[in-house]
Amino acid sequence: MTQNRTQVQEQSKKELVLAAFEQKPVERVPVGFWFHFLPVDEVVAADAFADPRLTAKVLAGEEEYIETSKPDYVKIMTDGFFSYQKARLAQIKTTADLAGLKPLAQDDPWFTRQIAYAKELSGKYGDRLALFYNLFVAATTLKWSLPQGDASLAALIKEDRAAVKKALDLISGDLARLAARLIKEGGVTGIYLSLQNIQGLSKADYEAVIAPGEKVILAAANQASPYNILHICGYEGHRNDLSWYRDYQVKAVNWAVAVEGIPLEEGQKIFKGRAVIGGFGNTAKDVLYSGTREEVEQETKRILAQAGRTGVILGADCTVPPDIDRRRFDWVRDAAK
């Protein structure tokens, strides 16, 4: 028994996180939070491919956060890299406009610039920290270019499901290639794949048109690394039916506990055998941001009392406000020991 305890206590932060992914004993429950490094209202529109200074700014912010806050693991923020064939997607108004999409060349900057950014971080921190590169699925990539987001995408699918599926499969193919290359060439531990239910779209349509491409991305990532995270995004109150993703093959799942009203222990029943990430709300109204130290510590202990300490990683529903007092992350970590 003493020998086992000694082995657990010698875990590095990277080993700690991967042990949690594997449902193995850990010295303490790992903790990870993240936030944007560009102004929140500019994140989606920011284009680092057009302005490389944005990448330098985000990289500097990421490194400063790692060095000062000393997280247990890192979700690599990709502010400025959200765009994909931006000029082409901006022209889409009907399903006929989707026909002109073509896969990107292997040496396209969309691949090479992101891989280079990942290598900057993995070269400095990859030996001691698990690094998960943030990617958005094809449906999110496409809907951001449409005038009414979810509503516009749902309308296109109702207009011509086959045409939209073909386009989403093409984008997913590029995302799958990027995911694999980020792991193999960029040196990251895995990907953090963000997706959402499309409001106004039935589960049947989602499964027929959108889900196949998402599973292709995960299959490519899983072939390159067993450690990948699925993020079911509830940002700004976006509601999701978590059961739609029950069969998605990942090691860990993160969702919006506060938005969905589904705590970690309930999510463990939905995503059997997967590690769960989160527990805290991510807005300025939630205890992580606004509570006293005692309240944050009490909430940490309450979450763990309900979810247990195996296969659990503490975090938030989504990105936290960038002006959060980072000492709060330490309060959670200390209470989780």
C-alpha atoms as a PDB file:
ATOM      1  CA  MET A   1       0.000   0.000   0.000  1.00  0.00           C
ATOM      2  CA  THR A   2       2.858   2.365   0.868  1.00  0.00           C
ATOM      3  CA  GLN A   3       4.518   1.616  -2.440  1.00  0.00           C
ATOM      4  CA  ASN A   4       1.352   2.463  -4.377  1.00  0.00           C
ATOM      5  CA  ARG A   5       0.961   5.750  -2.538  1.00  0.00           C
ATOM      6  CA  THR A   6       4.566   6.665  -3.311  1.00  0.00           C
ATOM      7  CA  GLN A   7       4.050   5.921  -6.990  1.00  0.00           C
ATOM      8  CA  VAL A   8       0.968   8.135  -7.116  1.00  0.00           C
ATOM      9  CA  GLN A   9       2.706  10.994  -5.342  1.00  0.00           C
ATOM     10  CA  GLU A  10       5.508  10.965  -7.917  1.00  0.00           C
ATOM     11  CA  GLN A  11       3.164  11.763 -10.781  1.00  0.00           C
ATOM     12  CA  SER A  12       4.069  14.773 -12.876  1.00  0.00           C
ATOM     13  CA  LYS A  13       1.254  17.102 -13.917  1.00  0.00           C
ATOM     14  CA  LYS A  14       1.116  15.397 -17.303  1.00  0.00           C
ATOM     15  CA  GLU A  15       0.975  11.958 -15.728  1.00  0.00           C
ATOM     16  CA  LEU A  16      -1.676  13.202 -13.312  1.00  0.00           C
ATOM     17  CA  VAL A  17      -3.979  14.287 -16.131  1.00  0.00           C
ATOM     18  CA  LEU A  18      -3.441  11.195 -18.267  1.00  0.00           C
ATOM     19  CA  ALA A  19      -4.093   8.987 -15.229  1.00  0.00           C
ATOM     20  CA  ALA A  20      -7.401  10.780 -14.721  1.00  0.00           C
ATOM     21  CA  PHE A  21      -8.206  10.153 -18.396  1.00  0.00           C
ATOM     22  CA  GLU A  22      -7.522   6.460 -17.811  1.00  0.00           C
ATOM     23  CA  GLN A  23      -9.659   6.303 -14.640  1.00  0.00           C
ATOM     24  CA  LYS A  24      -6.575   5.527 -12.545  1.00  0.00           C
ATOM     25  CA  PRO A  25      -5.724   6.748  -9.010  1.00  0.00           C
ATOM     26  CA  VAL A  26      -4.298  10.257  -8.706  1.00  0.00           C
ATOM     27  CA  GLU A  27      -2.559  12.095  -5.887  1.00  0.00           C
ATOM     28  CA  ARG A  28      -5.014  14.950  -6.325  1.00  0.00           C
ATOM     29  CA  VAL A  29      -7.732  15.841  -8.785  1.00  0.00           C
ATOM     30  CA  PRO A  30      -6.226  17.860 -11.670  1.00  0.00           C
ATOM     31  CA  VAL A  31      -7.488  21.375 -12.379  1.00  0.00           C
ATOM     32  CA  GLY A  32      -7.582  23.414 -15.581  1.00  0.00           C
ATOM     33  CA  PHE A  33      -9.195  26.683 -16.656  1.00  0.00           C
ATOM     34  CA  TRP A  34      -8.759  28.841 -19.768  1.00  0.00           C
ATOM     35  CA  PHE A  35      -9.730  32.170 -21.262  1.00  0.00           C
ATOM     36  CA  HIS A  36      -9.261  34.148 -24.465  1.00  0.00           C
ATOM     37  CA  PHE A  37      -6.129  36.196 -25.112  1.00  0.00           C
ATOM     38  CA  LEU A  38      -7.734  38.535 -27.641  1.00  0.00           C
ATOM     39  CA  PRO A  39     -10.706  40.795 -26.789  1.00  0.00           C
ATOM     40  CA  VAL A  40     -13.736  38.533 -26.439  1.00  0.00           C
ATOM     41  CA  ASP A  41     -15.853  40.559 -28.865  1.00  0.00           C
ATOM     42  CA  GLU A  42     -13.138  40.238 -31.528  1.00  0.00           C
ATOM     43  CA  VAL A  43     -12.224  36.566 -31.137  1.00  0.00           C
ATOM     44  CA  VAL A  44     -14.393  35.054 -33.877  1.00  0.00           C
ATOM     45  CA  ALA A  45     -13.641  37.765 -36.445  1.00  0.00           C
ATOM     46  CA  ALA A  46      -9.902  37.973 -35.687  1.00  0.00           C
ATOM     47  CA  ASP A  47      -7.795  36.638 -38.584  1.00  0.00           C
ATOM     48  CA  ALA A  48      -4.254  35.655 -37.686  1.00  0.00           C
ATOM     49  CA  PHE A  49      -3.670  34.425 -41.241  1.00  0.00           C
ATOM     50  CA  ALA A  50      -4.037  38.020 -42.408  1.00  0.00           C
ATOM     51  CA  ASP A  51      -2.270  39.529 -39.377  1.00  0.00           C
ATOM     52  CA  PRO A  52       0.490  37.314 -37.882  1.00  0.00           C
ATOM     53  CA  ARG A  53       0.878  39.775 -34.998  1.00  0.00           C
ATOM     54  CA  LEU A  54      -2.265  38.268 -33.503  1.00  0.00           C
ATOM     55  CA  THR A  55      -0.576  34.878 -33.194  1.00  0.00           C
ATOM     56  CA  ALA A  56       2.398  36.463 -31.463  1.00  0.00           C
ATOM     57  CA  LYS A  57       0.031  38.157 -29.010  1.00  0.00           C
ATOM     58  CA  VAL A  58      -1.879  34.965 -28.246  1.00  0.00           C
ATOM     59  CA  LEU A  59       1.337  32.942 -27.908  1.00  0.00           C
ATOM     60  CA  ALA A  60       2.759  35.492 -25.476  1.00  0.00           C
ATOM     61  CA  GLY A  61      -0.445  35.407 -23.450  1.00  0.00           C
ATOM     62  CA  GLU A  62      -0.488  31.612 -23.402  1.00  0.00           C
ATOM     63  CA  GLU A  63       3.117  31.418 -22.229  1.00  0.00           C
ATOM     64  CA  GLU A  64       2.588  34.074 -19.559  1.00  0.00           C
ATOM     65  CA  TYR A  65      -0.427  32.160 -18.264  1.00  0.00           C
ATOM     66  CA  ILE A  66       1.466  28.855 -18.144  1.00  0.00           C
ATOM     67  CA  GLU A  67       4.479  30.370 -16.390  1.00  0.00           C
ATOM     68  CA  THR A  68       2.554  32.351 -13.773  1.00  0.00           C
ATOM     69  CA  SER A  69      -0.603  30.292 -13.141  1.00  0.00           C
ATOM     70  CA  LYS A  70       1.126  26.909 -13.529  1.00  0.00           C
ATOM     71  CA  PRO A  71      -1.935  24.948 -14.709  1.00  0.00           C
ATOM     72  CA  ASP A  72      -2.108  21.168 -14.489  1.00  0.00           C
ATOM     73  CA  TYR A  73      -2.758  20.996 -18.234  1.00  0.00           C
ATOM     74  CA  VAL A  74      -3.410  23.425 -21.082  1.00  0.00           C
ATOM     75  CA  LYS A  75      -6.182  23.921 -23.586  1.00  0.00           C
ATOM     76  CA  ILE A  76      -4.275  25.705 -26.349  1.00  0.00           C
ATOM     77  CA  MET A  77      -6.350  28.753 -27.247  1.00  0.00           C
ATOM     78  CA  THR A  78      -6.612  29.416 -30.973  1.00  0.00           C
ATOM     79  CA  ASP A  79      -7.814  33.011 -31.100  1.00  0.00           C
ATOM     80  CA  GLY A  80      -7.242  34.272 -34.633  1.00  0.00           C
ATOM     81  CA  PHE A  81      -7.262  30.798 -36.181  1.00  0.00           C
ATOM     82  CA  PHE A  82     -11.035  30.319 -36.226  1.00  0.00           C
ATOM     83  CA  SER A  83     -11.391  31.223 -39.904  1.00  0.00           C
ATOM     84  CA  TYR A  84     -11.325  28.597 -42.660  1.00  0.00           C
ATOM     85  CA  GLN A  85     -11.450  29.565 -46.344  1.00  0.00           C
ATOM     86  CA  LYS A  86     -12.850  32.827 -45.035  1.00  0.00           C
ATOM     87  CA  ALA A  87     -13.375  34.595 -48.362  1.00  0.00           C
ATOM     88  CA  ARG A  88     -15.052  31.544 -49.881  1.00  0.00           C
ATOM     89  CA  LEU A  89     -17.423  30.856 -46.985  1.00  0.00           C
ATOM     90  CA  ALA A  90     -18.401  34.525 -46.778  1.00  0.00           C
ATOM     91  CA  GLN A  91     -19.989  34.208 -50.236  1.00  0.00           C
ATOM     92  CA  ILE A  92     -22.371  31.413 -49.267  1.00  0.00           C
ATOM     93  CA  LYS A  93     -26.036  32.343 -49.405  1.00  0.00           C
ATOM     94  CA  THR A  94     -27.648  29.196 -50.852  1.00  0.00           C
ATOM     95  CA  THR A  95     -26.652  25.536 -51.020  1.00  0.00           C
ATOM     96  CA  ALA A  96     -25.575  26.039 -54.633  1.00  0.00           C
ATOM     97  CA  ASP A  97     -22.777  28.278 -53.332  1.00  0.00           C
ATOM     98  CA  LEU A  98     -21.298  25.325 -51.428  1.00  0.00           C
ATOM     99  CA  ALA A  99     -20.342  23.518 -54.606  1.00  0.00           C
ATOM    100  CA  GLY A 100     -17.151  25.531 -55.104  1.00  0.00           C
ATOM    101  CA  LEU A 101     -15.476  24.359 -51.893  1.00  0.00           C
ATOM    102  CA  LYS A 102     -12.248  22.401 -52.416  1.00  0.00           C
ATOM    103  CA  PRO A 103      -9.961  20.674 -49.894  1.00  0.00           C
ATOM    104  CA  LEU A 104      -6.903  22.664 -48.860  1.00  0.00           C
ATOM    105  CA  ALA A 105      -3.404  21.778 -50.004  1.00  0.00           C
ATOM    106  CA  GLN A 106      -1.111  20.171 -47.457  1.00  0.00           C
ATOM    107  CA  ASP A 107       1.119  23.258 -47.409  1.00  0.00           C
ATOM    108  CA  ASP A 108      -1.742  25.743 -47.009  1.00  0.00           C
ATOM    109  CA  PRO A 109      -1.042  28.283 -44.224  1.00  0.00           C
ATOM    110  CA  TRP A 110      -4.208  27.061 -42.463  1.00  0.00           C
ATOM    111  CA  PHE A 111      -2.241  23.896 -41.726  1.00  0.00           C
ATOM    112  CA  THR A 112       1.343  25.123 -41.477  1.00  0.00           C
ATOM    113  CA  ARG A 113       0.727  28.207 -39.344  1.00  0.00           C
ATOM    114  CA  GLN A 114      -1.319  26.297 -36.780  1.00  0.00           C
ATOM    115  CA  ILE A 115       1.187  23.452 -36.605  1.00  0.00           C
ATOM    116  CA  ALA A 116       4.012  25.960 -36.090  1.00  0.00           C
ATOM    117  CA  TYR A 117       2.041  27.654 -33.284  1.00  0.00           C
ATOM    118  CA  ALA A 118       1.423  24.295 -31.610  1.00  0.00           C
ATOM    119  CA  LYS A 119       5.117  23.407 -31.861  1.00  0.00           C
ATOM    120  CA  GLU A 120       6.084  26.624 -30.091  1.00  0.00           C
ATOM    121  CA  LEU A 121       4.131  25.469 -27.040  1.00  0.00           C
ATOM    122  CA  SER A 122       4.828  21.747 -27.207  1.00  0.00           C
ATOM    123  CA  GLY A 123       8.551  22.424 -27.578  1.00  0.00           C
ATOM    124  CA  LYS A 124       8.577  24.358 -24.293  1.00  0.00           C
ATOM    125  CA  TYR A 125       5.960  22.538 -22.243  1.00  0.00           C
ATOM    126  CA  GLY A 126       5.019  19.263 -23.907  1.00  0.00           C
ATOM    127  CA  ASP A 127       7.329  17.120 -21.799  1.00  0.00           C
ATOM    128  CA  ARG A 128       5.656  18.119 -18.520  1.00  0.00           C
ATOM    129  CA  LEU A 129       2.145  19.299 -19.433  1.00  0.00           C
ATOM    130  CA  ALA A 130      -0.666  17.705 -21.398  1.00  0.00           C
ATOM    131  CA  LEU A 131      -1.561  20.120 -24.215  1.00  0.00           C
ATOM    132  CA  PHE A 132      -4.922  19.991 -25.998  1.00  0.00           C
ATOM    133  CA  TYR A 133      -5.348  22.034 -29.160  1.00  0.00           C
ATOM    134  CA  ASN A 134      -8.701  23.754 -29.585  1.00  0.00           C
ATOM    135  CA  LEU A 135     -10.576  22.914 -32.797  1.00  0.00           C
ATOM    136  CA  PHE A 136     -14.124  23.748 -33.879  1.00  0.00           C
ATOM    137  CA  VAL A 137     -16.148  21.270 -35.914  1.00  0.00           C
ATOM    138  CA  ALA A 138     -17.263  21.918 -39.483  1.00  0.00           C
ATOM    139  CA  ALA A 139     -20.810  22.971 -38.555  1.00  0.00           C
ATOM    140  CA  THR A 140     -19.461  25.668 -36.244  1.00  0.00           C
ATOM    141  CA  THR A 141     -16.913  26.745 -38.843  1.00  0.00           C
ATOM    142  CA  LEU A 142     -19.630  27.127 -41.458  1.00  0.00           C
ATOM    143  CA  LYS A 143     -22.323  28.733 -39.303  1.00  0.00           C
ATOM    144  CA  TRP A 144     -19.954  31.489 -38.156  1.00  0.00           C
ATOM    145  CA  SER A 145     -19.790  32.677 -41.752  1.00  0.00           C
ATOM    146  CA  LEU A 146     -23.582  32.739 -42.161  1.00  0.00           C
ATOM    147  CA  PRO A 147     -25.731  35.781 -41.347  1.00  0.00           C
ATOM    148  CA  GLN A 148     -27.929  34.083 -38.744  1.00  0.00           C
ATOM    149  CA  GLY A 149     -25.673  31.316 -37.508  1.00  0.00           C
ATOM    150  CA  ASP A 150     -27.663  28.261 -36.403  1.00  0.00           C
ATOM    151  CA  ALA A 151     -30.837  29.428 -38.117  1.00  0.00           C
ATOM    152  CA  SER A 152     -29.071  29.945 -41.453  1.00  0.00           C
ATOM    153  CA  LEU A 153     -27.343  26.561 -41.270  1.00  0.00           C
ATOM    154  CA  ALA A 154     -30.590  24.787 -40.376  1.00  0.00           C
ATOM    155  CA  ALA A 155     -32.284  26.516 -43.330  1.00  0.00           C
ATOM    156  CA  LEU A 156     -29.538  25.387 -45.731  1.00  0.00           C
ATOM    157  CA  ILE A 157     -29.905  21.800 -44.517  1.00  0.00           C
ATOM    158  CA  LYS A 158     -33.647  21.914 -45.076  1.00  0.00           C
ATOM    159  CA  GLU A 159     -33.003  23.326 -48.559  1.00  0.00           C
ATOM    160  CA  ASP A 160     -30.591  20.550 -49.634  1.00  0.00           C
ATOM    161  CA  ARG A 161     -29.296  18.074 -47.049  1.00  0.00           C
ATOM    162  CA  ALA A 162     -26.995  16.292 -49.493  1.00  0.00           C
ATOM    163  CA  ALA A 163     -25.242  19.491 -50.601  1.00  0.00           C
ATOM    164  CA  VAL A 164     -24.662  20.642 -47.027  1.00  0.00           C
ATOM    165  CA  LYS A 165     -23.425  17.220 -45.926  1.00  0.00           C
ATOM    166  CA  LYS A 166     -20.962  17.142 -48.818  1.00  0.00           C
ATOM    167  CA  ALA A 167     -19.600  20.550 -47.819  1.00  0.00           C
ATOM    168  CA  LEU A 168     -19.402  19.680 -44.127  1.00  0.00           C
ATOM    169  CA  ASP A 169     -17.679  16.390 -44.941  1.00  0.00           C
ATOM    170  CA  LEU A 170     -15.105  18.290 -47.000  1.00  0.00           C
ATOM    171  CA  ILE A 171     -14.415  20.760 -44.174  1.00  0.00           C
ATOM    172  CA  SER A 172     -14.315  17.869 -41.687  1.00  0.00           C
ATOM    173  CA  GLY A 173     -11.736  16.154 -43.885  1.00  0.00           C
ATOM    174  CA  ASP A 174      -9.440  19.154 -43.591  1.00  0.00           C
ATOM    175  CA  LEU A 175     -10.086  19.339 -39.839  1.00  0.00           C
ATOM    176  CA  ALA A 176      -9.277  15.634 -39.533  1.00  0.00           C
ATOM    177  CA  ARG A 177      -5.992  16.138 -41.362  1.00  0.00           C
ATOM    178  CA  LEU A 178      -5.209  19.129 -39.152  1.00  0.00           C
ATOM    179  CA  ALA A 179      -6.014  17.194 -35.974  1.00  0.00           C
ATOM    180  CA  ALA A 180      -3.680  14.357 -36.916  1.00  0.00           C
ATOM    181  CA  ARG A 181      -0.888  16.705 -37.974  1.00  0.00           C
ATOM    182  CA  LEU A 182      -1.180  18.806 -34.820  1.00  0.00           C
ATOM    183  CA  ILE A 183      -0.546  15.671 -32.790  1.00  0.00           C
ATOM    184  CA  LYS A 184       2.103  14.064 -35.001  1.00  0.00           C
ATOM    185  CA  GLU A 185       3.932  17.193 -36.200  1.00  0.00           C
ATOM    186  CA  GLY A 186       2.836  19.823 -33.691  1.00  0.00           C
ATOM    187  CA  GLY A 187       3.578  17.647 -30.682  1.00  0.00           C
ATOM    188  CA  VAL A 188       0.318  18.261 -28.785  1.00  0.00           C
ATOM    189  CA  THR A 189      -1.151  15.582 -26.545  1.00  0.00           C
ATOM    190  CA  GLY A 190      -4.522  15.651 -28.282  1.00  0.00           C
ATOM    191  CA  ILE A 191      -7.313  17.908 -29.469  1.00  0.00           C
ATOM    192  CA  TYR A 192     -10.123  19.701 -27.647  1.00  0.00           C
ATOM    193  CA  LEU A 193     -12.982  19.416 -30.129  1.00  0.00           C
ATOM    194  CA  SER A 194     -15.764  21.957 -29.664  1.00  0.00           C
ATOM    195  CA  LEU A 195     -19.274  21.332 -31.001  1.00  0.00           C
ATOM    196  CA  GLN A 196     -22.926  22.166 -30.308  1.00  0.00           C
ATOM    197  CA  ASN A 197     -26.435  21.050 -31.136  1.00  0.00           C
ATOM    198  CA  ILE A 198     -27.680  23.180 -34.023  1.00  0.00           C
ATOM    199  CA  GLN A 199     -30.750  25.020 -32.788  1.00  0.00           C
ATOM    200  CA  GLY A 200     -33.763  24.398 -35.014  1.00  0.00           C
ATOM    201  CA  LEU A 201     -32.329  21.127 -36.349  1.00  0.00           C
ATOM    202  CA  SER A 202     -33.714  17.717 -35.381  1.00  0.00           C
ATOM    203  CA  LYS A 203     -31.560  14.966 -33.952  1.00  0.00           C
ATOM    204  CA  ALA A 204     -32.240  12.891 -37.071  1.00  0.00           C
ATOM    205  CA  ASP A 205     -30.977  15.647 -39.375  1.00  0.00           C
ATOM    206  CA  TYR A 206     -27.973  16.260 -37.141  1.00  0.00           C
ATOM    207  CA  GLU A 207     -27.030  12.592 -37.181  1.00  0.00           C
ATOM    208  CA  ALA A 208     -27.475  12.336 -40.936  1.00  0.00           C
ATOM    209  CA  VAL A 209     -25.762  15.556 -42.025  1.00  0.00           C
ATOM    210  CA  ILE A 210     -23.406  16.770 -39.287  1.00  0.00           C
ATOM    211  CA  ALA A 211     -22.356  13.905 -37.016  1.00  0.00           C
ATOM    212  CA  PRO A 212     -20.543  11.788 -39.658  1.00  0.00           C
ATOM    213  CA  GLY A 213     -17.933  14.478 -40.275  1.00  0.00           C
ATOM    214  CA  GLU A 214     -17.441  15.081 -36.566  1.00  0.00           C
ATOM    215  CA  LYS A 215     -16.741  11.396 -36.055  1.00  0.00           C
ATOM    216  CA  VAL A 216     -14.222  11.476 -38.916  1.00  0.00           C
ATOM    217  CA  ILE A 217     -12.300  14.225 -37.096  1.00  0.00           C
ATOM    218  CA  LEU A 218     -12.279  12.232 -33.865  1.00  0.00           C
ATOM    219  CA  ALA A 219     -11.237   9.042 -35.651  1.00  0.00           C
ATOM    220  CA  ALA A 220      -8.220  10.824 -37.144  1.00  0.00           C
ATOM    221  CA  ALA A 221      -7.303  12.338 -33.773  1.00  0.00           C
ATOM    222  CA  ASN A 222      -7.745   9.017 -31.977  1.00  0.00           C
ATOM    223  CA  GLN A 223      -5.507   7.262 -34.478  1.00  0.00           C
ATOM    224  CA  ALA A 224      -2.770   9.776 -33.666  1.00  0.00           C
ATOM    225  CA  SER A 225      -3.354   9.924 -29.882  1.00  0.00           C
ATOM    226  CA  PRO A 226      -5.677   8.167 -27.401  1.00  0.00           C
ATOM    227  CA  TYR A 227      -6.103  11.389 -25.431  1.00  0.00           C
ATOM    228  CA  ASN A 228      -8.723  13.686 -26.936  1.00  0.00           C
ATOM    229  CA  ILE A 229     -11.440  15.855 -25.346  1.00  0.00           C
ATOM    230  CA  LEU A 230     -14.969  16.537 -26.541  1.00  0.00           C
ATOM    231  CA  HIS A 231     -16.336  19.955 -25.558  1.00  0.00           C
ATOM    232  CA  ILE A 232     -20.127  20.285 -25.821  1.00  0.00           C
ATOM    233  CA  CYS A 233     -20.272  24.051 -25.860  1.00  0.00           C
ATOM    234  CA  GLY A 234     -22.883  25.881 -23.795  1.00  0.00           C
ATOM    235  CA  TYR A 235     -21.302  29.306 -24.201  1.00  0.00           C
ATOM    236  CA  GLU A 236     -23.716  32.200 -23.556  1.00  0.00           C
ATOM    237  CA  GLY A 237     -26.499  29.803 -22.595  1.00  0.00           C
ATOM    238  CA  HIS A 238     -26.519  27.634 -25.745  1.00  0.00           C
ATOM    239  CA  ARG A 239     -28.502  24.512 -24.775  1.00  0.00           C
ATOM    240  CA  ASN A 240     -27.491  21.021 -25.865  1.00  0.00           C
ATOM    241  CA  ASP A 241     -28.867  17.514 -25.579  1.00  0.00           C
ATOM    242  CA  LEU A 242     -25.799  15.675 -24.297  1.00  0.00           C
ATOM    243  CA  SER A 243     -27.181  12.300 -25.309  1.00  0.00           C
ATOM    244  CA  TRP A 244     -26.551  13.148 -28.970  1.00  0.00           C
ATOM    245  CA  TYR A 245     -22.844  12.601 -28.272  1.00  0.00           C
ATOM    246  CA  ARG A 246     -23.073   9.475 -26.140  1.00  0.00           C
ATOM    247  CA  ASP A 247     -21.313   7.323 -28.759  1.00  0.00           C
ATOM    248  CA  TYR A 248     -18.589   9.812 -29.735  1.00  0.00           C
ATOM    249  CA  GLN A 249     -15.220   8.152 -29.129  1.00  0.00           C
ATOM    250  CA  VAL A 250     -13.114  10.304 -26.781  1.00  0.00           C
ATOM    251  CA  LYS A 251     -11.275   9.909 -23.479  1.00  0.00           C
ATOM    252  CA  ALA A 252     -12.869  12.909 -21.764  1.00  0.00           C
ATOM    253  CA  VAL A 253     -15.941  15.104 -22.068  1.00  0.00           C
ATOM    254  CA  ASN A 254     -16.516  18.708 -20.976  1.00  0.00           C
ATOM    255  CA  TRP A 255     -19.967  20.324 -21.030  1.00  0.00           C
ATOM    256  CA  ALA A 256     -21.785  23.306 -19.508  1.00  0.00           C
ATOM    257  CA  VAL A 257     -22.900  21.993 -16.120  1.00  0.00           C
ATOM    258  CA  ALA A 258     -24.615  25.267 -15.203  1.00  0.00           C
ATOM    259  CA  VAL A 259     -26.403  25.718 -18.537  1.00  0.00           C
ATOM    260  CA  GLU A 260     -27.566  22.137 -18.996  1.00  0.00           C
ATOM    261  CA  GLY A 261     -28.334  21.509 -15.328  1.00  0.00           C
ATOM    262  CA  ILE A 262     -26.396  18.245 -15.570  1.00  0.00           C
ATOM    263  CA  PRO A 263     -23.687  17.943 -12.872  1.00  0.00           C
ATOM    264  CA  LEU A 264     -20.570  15.854 -13.338  1.00  0.00           C
ATOM    265  CA  GLU A 265     -22.029  12.818 -11.578  1.00  0.00           C
ATOM    266  CA  GLU A 266     -24.981  12.763 -13.986  1.00  0.00           C
ATOM    267  CA  GLY A 267     -22.663  13.190 -16.949  1.00  0.00           C
ATOM    268  CA  GLN A 268     -20.678  10.180 -15.757  1.00  0.00           C
ATOM    269  CA  LYS A 269     -23.797   8.078 -16.327  1.00  0.00           C
ATOM    270  CA  ILE A 270     -24.262   9.450 -19.844  1.00  0.00           C
ATOM    271  CA  PHE A 271     -20.602   9.139 -20.858  1.00  0.00           C
ATOM    272  CA  LYS A 272     -19.748   5.856 -19.178  1.00  0.00           C
ATOM    273  CA  GLY A 273     -16.041   5.077 -19.103  1.00  0.00           C
ATOM    274  CA  ARG A 274     -14.978   8.598 -20.063  1.00  0.00           C
ATOM    275  CA  ALA A 275     -13.318  11.122 -17.790  1.00  0.00           C
ATOM    276  CA  VAL A 276     -15.420  14.197 -17.066  1.00  0.00           C
ATOM    277  CA  ILE A 277     -14.102  17.760 -17.037  1.00  0.00           C
ATOM    278  CA  GLY A 278     -15.699  20.823 -15.452  1.00  0.00           C
ATOM    279  CA  GLY A 279     -18.054  21.368 -12.536  1.00  0.00           C
ATOM    280  CA  PHE A 280     -17.879  25.182 -12.307  1.00  0.00           C
ATOM    281  CA  GLY A 281     -19.964  27.788 -14.105  1.00  0.00           C
ATOM    282  CA  ASN A 282     -17.863  30.105 -16.268  1.00  0.00           C
ATOM    283  CA  THR A 283     -19.631  33.472 -16.067  1.00  0.00           C
ATOM    284  CA  ALA A 284     -19.020  36.532 -13.887  1.00  0.00           C
ATOM    285  CA  LYS A 285     -22.136  35.563 -11.920  1.00  0.00           C
ATOM    286  CA  ASP A 286     -20.791  32.150 -10.932  1.00  0.00           C
ATOM    287  CA  VAL A 287     -18.958  31.299  -7.727  1.00  0.00           C
ATOM    288  CA  LEU A 288     -15.606  30.690  -9.440  1.00  0.00           C
ATOM    289  CA  TYR A 289     -15.481  34.340 -10.531  1.00  0.00           C
ATOM    290  CA  SER A 290     -17.378  36.142  -7.788  1.00  0.00           C
ATOM    291  CA  GLY A 291     -17.386  33.923  -4.704  1.00  0.00           C
ATOM    292  CA  THR A 292     -15.195  34.317  -1.637  1.00  0.00           C
ATOM    293  CA  ARG A 293     -12.270  31.973  -1.158  1.00  0.00           C
ATOM    294  CA  GLU A 294     -14.313  29.970   1.318  1.00  0.00           C
ATOM    295  CA  GLU A 295     -17.199  29.689  -1.161  1.00  0.00           C
ATOM    296  CA  VAL A 296     -14.894  28.547  -3.965  1.00  0.00           C
ATOM    297  CA  GLU A 297     -13.293  25.948  -1.698  1.00  0.00           C
ATOM    298  CA  GLN A 298     -16.676  24.724  -0.489  1.00  0.00           C
ATOM    299  CA  GLU A 299     -17.936  24.413  -4.058  1.00  0.00           C
ATOM    300  CA  THR A 300     -14.820  22.442  -5.012  1.00  0.00           C
ATOM    301  CA  LYS A 301     -15.385  19.992  -2.183  1.00  0.00           C
ATOM    302  CA  ARG A 302     -19.097  19.727  -2.970  1.00  0.00           C
ATOM    303  CA  ILE A 303     -18.394  18.867  -6.615  1.00  0.00           C
ATOM    304  CA  LEU A 304     -15.894  16.175  -5.661  1.00  0.00           C
ATOM    305  CA  ALA A 305     -18.129  14.754  -2.950  1.00  0.00           C
ATOM    306  CA  GLN A 306     -20.765  14.136  -5.635  1.00  0.00           C
ATOM    307  CA  ALA A 307     -18.570  13.126  -8.592  1.00  0.00           C
ATOM    308  CA  GLY A 308     -15.758  11.340  -6.773  1.00  0.00           C
ATOM    309  CA  ARG A 309     -12.055  11.675  -7.407  1.00  0.00           C
ATOM    310  CA  THR A 310     -11.480   9.088 -10.135  1.00  0.00           C
ATOM    311  CA  GLY A 311     -11.787  10.094 -13.773  1.00  0.00           C
ATOM    312  CA  VAL A 312     -12.560  13.670 -12.754  1.00  0.00           C
ATOM    313  CA  ILE A 313     -10.808  16.879 -13.810  1.00  0.00           C
ATOM    314  CA  LEU A 314     -12.024  20.166 -12.360  1.00  0.00           C
ATOM    315  CA  GLY A 315     -12.661  23.047 -14.747  1.00  0.00           C
ATOM    316  CA  ALA A 316     -15.392  25.328 -16.033  1.00  0.00           C
ATOM    317  CA  ASP A 317     -18.277  25.116 -18.481  1.00  0.00           C
ATOM    318  CA  CYS A 318     -16.291  27.061 -21.079  1.00  0.00           C
ATOM    319  CA  THR A 319     -13.842  29.976 -21.218  1.00  0.00           C
ATOM    320  CA  VAL A 320     -13.839  32.113 -18.061  1.00  0.00           C
ATOM    321  CA  PRO A 321     -13.754  35.935 -18.132  1.00  0.00           C
ATOM    322  CA  PRO A 322     -10.178  36.993 -18.975  1.00  0.00           C
ATOM    323  CA  ASP A 323     -10.049  39.428 -16.046  1.00  0.00           C
ATOM    324  CA  ILE A 324     -10.622  36.690 -13.470  1.00  0.00           C
ATOM    325  CA  ASP A 325      -8.306  36.750 -10.457  1.00  0.00           C
ATOM    326  CA  ARG A 326      -6.052  33.805 -11.244  1.00  0.00           C
ATOM    327  CA  ARG A 327      -5.523  33.086  -7.562  1.00  0.00           C
ATOM    328  CA  ARG A 328      -8.968  31.516  -7.739  1.00  0.00           C
ATOM    329  CA  PHE A 329      -7.526  28.662  -9.798  1.00  0.00           C
ATOM    330  CA  ASP A 330      -5.162  27.965  -6.886  1.00  0.00           C
ATOM    331  CA  TRP A 331      -8.053  28.000  -4.444  1.00  0.00           C
ATOM    332  CA  VAL A 332      -9.688  25.197  -6.437  1.00  0.00           C
ATOM    333  CA  ARG A 333      -6.437  23.250  -6.736  1.00  0.00           C
ATOM    334  CA  ASP A 334      -5.672  23.527  -3.020  1.00  0.00           C
ATOM    335  CA  ALA A 335      -9.193  22.465  -2.048  1.00  0.00           C
ATOM    336  CA  ALA A 336      -8.996  19.491  -4.408  1.00  0.00           C
ATOM    337  CA  LYS A 337      -5.908  18.001  -2.771  1.00  0.00           C
END
